[in-house]
């Protein structure tokens, strides 16, 4: 893929404030190849300031307008209703819960788990799955159509399987969950300042995971 706009500089800017170093040798998986090709041809037709203004307005429109007073929220609802994207206007509390759940999913999940999840049922299912895995390993011994090498490989695969039943155990530990969101700040009387900080920190957390091994406990 050959493009003329400063893709490396853009990605490097995204990583500001993280531990990730992005340079010309970085490998990136591109799913929208045709989109980037067309974008590469389109960008030179407009002034940089116009492009920046457009992107900033798009972000503001998608993330901020719904939090303004009712006349603005109603206007947005009418707009989406015209596009057949929304038939019923969401109530304020629903939007607040949805937003927090998307930015702090493990925090809201921890609250739900502590109040509504059957912990004993989780334990029973985990024990049942462990017995099934052990039985599978025992069955491998009697399968004559498998080579010894294949049997050993299958056993190793079973042993490395990670059970994910119900929820990760660390959600029961308030200190672990608090530590995960230690950099999220709430400003008393500053709703928009808080929201900006939440979005910024959430994005930073996502970007920092790019260069890290998958956390199998999450």
Protein backbone atom coordinates (compact mmCIF):
# COMPACT_ATOMS: atom_id res chain seq x y z
CA UNK A 1 0.00 0.00 0.00
CA UNK A 2 1.55 3.28 -1.14
CA UNK A 3 0.12 6.49 0.32
CA UNK A 4 1.48 10.02 0.31
CA UNK A 5 0.05 11.49 3.52
CA UNK A 6 2.15 11.23 6.69
CA UNK A 7 0.73 7.99 8.07
CA UNK A 8 3.73 7.29 10.31
CA UNK A 9 3.53 10.76 11.86
CA UNK A 10 -0.20 10.29 12.47
CA UNK A 11 0.27 6.94 14.21
CA UNK A 12 3.20 8.33 16.21
CA UNK A 13 0.98 11.21 17.36
CA UNK A 14 -1.65 8.71 18.48
CA UNK A 15 0.95 7.07 20.72
CA UNK A 16 1.89 10.28 22.56
CA UNK A 17 1.83 9.67 26.29
CA UNK A 18 2.23 5.90 25.92
CA UNK A 19 5.26 3.61 26.08
CA UNK A 20 4.89 2.58 22.43
CA UNK A 21 7.42 3.77 19.87
CA UNK A 22 6.05 3.93 16.32
CA UNK A 23 8.43 4.27 13.36
CA UNK A 24 8.86 3.26 9.71
CA UNK A 25 9.60 -0.35 10.70
CA UNK A 26 6.31 -0.90 12.52
CA UNK A 27 3.93 -3.43 10.99
CA UNK A 28 0.29 -2.41 10.69
CA UNK A 29 -2.64 -4.58 9.60
CA UNK A 30 -4.79 -2.61 7.15
CA UNK A 31 -8.34 -3.79 6.53
CA UNK A 32 -9.61 -0.76 4.60
CA UNK A 33 -7.05 -0.66 1.79
CA UNK A 34 -9.41 0.84 -0.78
CA UNK A 35 -10.57 3.44 1.74
CA UNK A 36 -6.99 4.61 2.36
CA UNK A 37 -6.28 4.78 -1.35
CA UNK A 38 -9.29 7.01 -1.94
CA UNK A 39 -8.51 9.08 1.14
CA UNK A 40 -4.98 9.59 -0.16
CA UNK A 41 -6.40 11.09 -3.36
CA UNK A 42 -9.05 13.15 -1.57
CA UNK A 43 -6.99 14.87 1.13
CA UNK A 44 -4.84 17.04 -1.20
CA UNK A 45 -8.01 18.65 -2.56
CA UNK A 46 -8.70 20.45 0.74
CA UNK A 47 -6.79 22.82 2.99
CA UNK A 48 -5.39 21.25 6.16
CA UNK A 49 -7.37 23.61 8.36
CA UNK A 50 -10.64 22.57 6.71
CA UNK A 51 -9.85 18.88 7.24
CA UNK A 52 -8.98 19.49 10.90
CA UNK A 53 -12.15 21.51 11.46
CA UNK A 54 -14.23 18.74 9.87
CA UNK A 55 -12.70 16.02 12.04
CA UNK A 56 -13.05 18.08 15.21
CA UNK A 57 -16.68 18.85 14.45
CA UNK A 58 -17.43 15.20 13.70
CA UNK A 59 -15.94 14.17 17.04
CA UNK A 60 -17.83 16.90 18.90
CA UNK A 61 -21.09 16.01 17.17
CA UNK A 62 -20.81 12.32 18.00
CA UNK A 63 -19.63 12.63 21.59
CA UNK A 64 -20.77 15.92 23.06
CA UNK A 65 -24.01 17.19 21.56
CA UNK A 66 -26.17 14.57 23.27
CA UNK A 67 -25.02 15.92 26.63
CA UNK A 68 -26.28 19.43 25.94
CA UNK A 69 -29.70 20.64 27.20
CA UNK A 70 -32.90 19.05 25.88
CA UNK A 71 -33.43 21.37 22.85
CA UNK A 72 -30.10 20.21 21.41
CA UNK A 73 -30.71 16.55 22.28
CA UNK A 74 -34.14 16.72 20.65
CA UNK A 75 -32.65 18.19 17.47
CA UNK A 76 -30.14 15.35 17.28
CA UNK A 77 -32.90 12.80 17.81
CA UNK A 78 -34.93 14.29 14.95
CA UNK A 79 -31.86 14.15 12.73
CA UNK A 80 -31.22 10.45 13.41
CA UNK A 81 -34.91 9.67 13.15
CA UNK A 82 -34.95 11.19 9.66
CA UNK A 83 -32.11 8.86 8.73
CA UNK A 84 -34.06 5.91 10.19
CA UNK A 85 -31.24 5.29 12.67
CA UNK A 86 -33.29 5.94 15.81
CA UNK A 87 -37.02 5.60 16.44
CA UNK A 88 -37.18 6.30 20.18
CA UNK A 89 -35.24 8.97 22.02
CA UNK A 90 -33.08 7.54 24.80
CA UNK A 91 -33.69 8.85 28.30
CA UNK A 92 -30.82 10.66 29.98
CA UNK A 93 -30.02 8.00 32.58
CA UNK A 94 -29.76 5.32 29.90
CA UNK A 95 -27.20 7.36 28.00
CA UNK A 96 -25.17 7.96 31.17
CA UNK A 97 -25.10 4.26 32.07
CA UNK A 98 -24.20 3.25 28.51
CA UNK A 99 -21.35 5.75 28.39
CA UNK A 100 -19.83 4.69 31.70
CA UNK A 101 -20.20 1.03 30.78
CA UNK A 102 -18.28 1.61 27.54
CA UNK A 103 -15.46 3.60 29.17
CA UNK A 104 -15.16 1.63 32.43
CA UNK A 105 -16.53 -1.84 31.59
CA UNK A 106 -14.63 -3.71 34.30
CA UNK A 107 -15.81 -1.29 37.00
CA UNK A 108 -19.48 -1.68 36.11
CA UNK A 109 -19.00 -5.44 35.65
CA UNK A 110 -17.48 -5.67 39.13
CA UNK A 111 -20.53 -3.96 40.64
CA UNK A 112 -22.88 -6.30 38.78
CA UNK A 113 -20.91 -9.41 39.76
CA UNK A 114 -20.89 -8.50 43.45
CA UNK A 115 -24.63 -7.86 43.60
CA UNK A 116 -26.23 -10.21 41.09
CA UNK A 117 -23.95 -13.10 40.10
CA UNK A 118 -24.26 -16.59 41.54
CA UNK A 119 -20.67 -17.27 42.62
CA UNK A 120 -21.42 -20.84 43.66
CA UNK A 121 -22.79 -21.61 40.19
CA UNK A 122 -19.58 -20.27 38.64
CA UNK A 123 -17.51 -22.52 40.89
CA UNK A 124 -19.59 -25.59 40.01
CA UNK A 125 -19.33 -24.95 36.27
CA UNK A 126 -15.55 -24.47 36.53
CA UNK A 127 -15.24 -27.81 38.34
CA UNK A 128 -17.38 -29.49 35.69
CA UNK A 129 -15.26 -28.07 32.86
CA UNK A 130 -12.08 -29.23 34.61
CA UNK A 131 -13.46 -32.78 34.83
CA UNK A 132 -14.38 -32.71 31.14
CA UNK A 133 -10.86 -31.59 30.22
CA UNK A 134 -9.33 -34.35 32.35
CA UNK A 135 -11.62 -36.93 30.74
CA UNK A 136 -10.59 -35.71 27.30
CA UNK A 137 -6.91 -36.19 28.14
CA UNK A 138 -7.65 -39.73 29.39
CA UNK A 139 -9.48 -40.55 26.16
CA UNK A 140 -6.44 -39.61 24.11
CA UNK A 141 -4.52 -42.56 25.53
CA UNK A 142 -6.89 -45.11 23.97
CA UNK A 143 -7.08 -43.48 20.53
CA UNK A 144 -4.89 -45.73 18.37
CA UNK A 145 -5.39 -43.66 15.21
CA UNK A 146 -3.40 -40.78 16.74
CA UNK A 147 0.39 -40.75 16.81
CA UNK A 148 2.15 -40.25 20.13
CA UNK A 149 3.38 -36.87 18.94
CA UNK A 150 -0.18 -35.77 18.11
CA UNK A 151 -1.47 -37.02 21.46
CA UNK A 152 1.17 -35.06 23.33
CA UNK A 153 0.38 -31.94 21.33
CA UNK A 154 -3.34 -32.33 22.10
CA UNK A 155 -2.59 -32.76 25.82
CA UNK A 156 -0.50 -29.58 25.86
CA UNK A 157 -3.27 -27.69 24.12
CA UNK A 158 -5.81 -28.81 26.72
CA UNK A 159 -3.50 -27.80 29.57
CA UNK A 160 -3.00 -24.32 28.13
CA UNK A 161 -6.72 -23.70 27.64
CA UNK A 162 -7.99 -20.87 29.81
CA UNK A 163 -11.42 -21.21 31.35
CA UNK A 164 -13.58 -18.11 31.07
CA UNK A 165 -16.72 -18.87 32.99
CA UNK A 166 -18.98 -16.00 34.00
CA UNK A 167 -16.36 -13.36 34.81
CA UNK A 168 -12.63 -12.98 35.60
CA UNK A 169 -11.90 -13.61 39.28
CA UNK A 170 -10.18 -10.27 39.84
CA UNK A 171 -13.54 -8.49 39.55
CA UNK A 172 -14.21 -9.64 43.12
CA UNK A 173 -11.17 -7.67 44.30
CA UNK A 174 -12.07 -3.98 44.61
CA UNK A 175 -8.42 -2.96 44.95
CA UNK A 176 -7.51 -4.59 41.62
CA UNK A 177 -10.40 -2.91 39.83
CA UNK A 178 -9.59 0.46 41.44
CA UNK A 179 -5.97 0.10 40.33
CA UNK A 180 -7.06 -0.46 36.73
CA UNK A 181 -8.86 2.90 36.73
CA UNK A 182 -6.45 4.77 39.01
CA UNK A 183 -5.69 7.39 36.31
CA UNK A 184 -9.35 8.20 35.61
CA UNK A 185 -10.16 11.52 37.28
CA UNK A 186 -13.52 13.03 38.22
CA UNK A 187 -13.62 16.82 38.47
CA UNK A 188 -16.28 18.09 40.85
CA UNK A 189 -18.56 20.45 38.95
CA UNK A 190 -16.65 19.85 35.71
CA UNK A 191 -18.71 17.39 33.68
CA UNK A 192 -17.11 18.06 30.31
CA UNK A 193 -13.61 18.19 31.77
CA UNK A 194 -14.27 14.81 33.37
CA UNK A 195 -15.63 13.39 30.14
CA UNK A 196 -12.63 14.59 28.12
CA UNK A 197 -10.27 13.06 30.67
CA UNK A 198 -12.15 9.74 30.63
CA UNK A 199 -12.03 9.52 26.84
CA UNK A 200 -8.35 10.42 26.79
CA UNK A 201 -7.41 7.87 29.45
CA UNK A 202 -9.54 5.13 27.90
CA UNK A 203 -7.86 5.65 24.52
CA UNK A 204 -4.42 5.66 26.13
CA UNK A 205 -5.18 2.35 27.86
CA UNK A 206 -6.27 0.81 24.55
CA UNK A 207 -3.16 2.03 22.72
CA UNK A 208 -0.79 0.80 25.43
CA UNK A 209 -2.17 -2.73 25.12
CA UNK A 210 -1.09 -2.89 21.46
CA UNK A 211 2.50 -3.78 22.35
CA UNK A 212 1.66 -5.96 25.35
CA UNK A 213 0.95 -9.70 25.53
CA UNK A 214 -2.70 -10.64 25.81
CA UNK A 215 -3.84 -10.64 29.43
CA UNK A 216 -5.59 -13.99 29.70
CA UNK A 217 -7.03 -13.07 33.10
CA UNK A 218 -9.25 -10.31 31.67
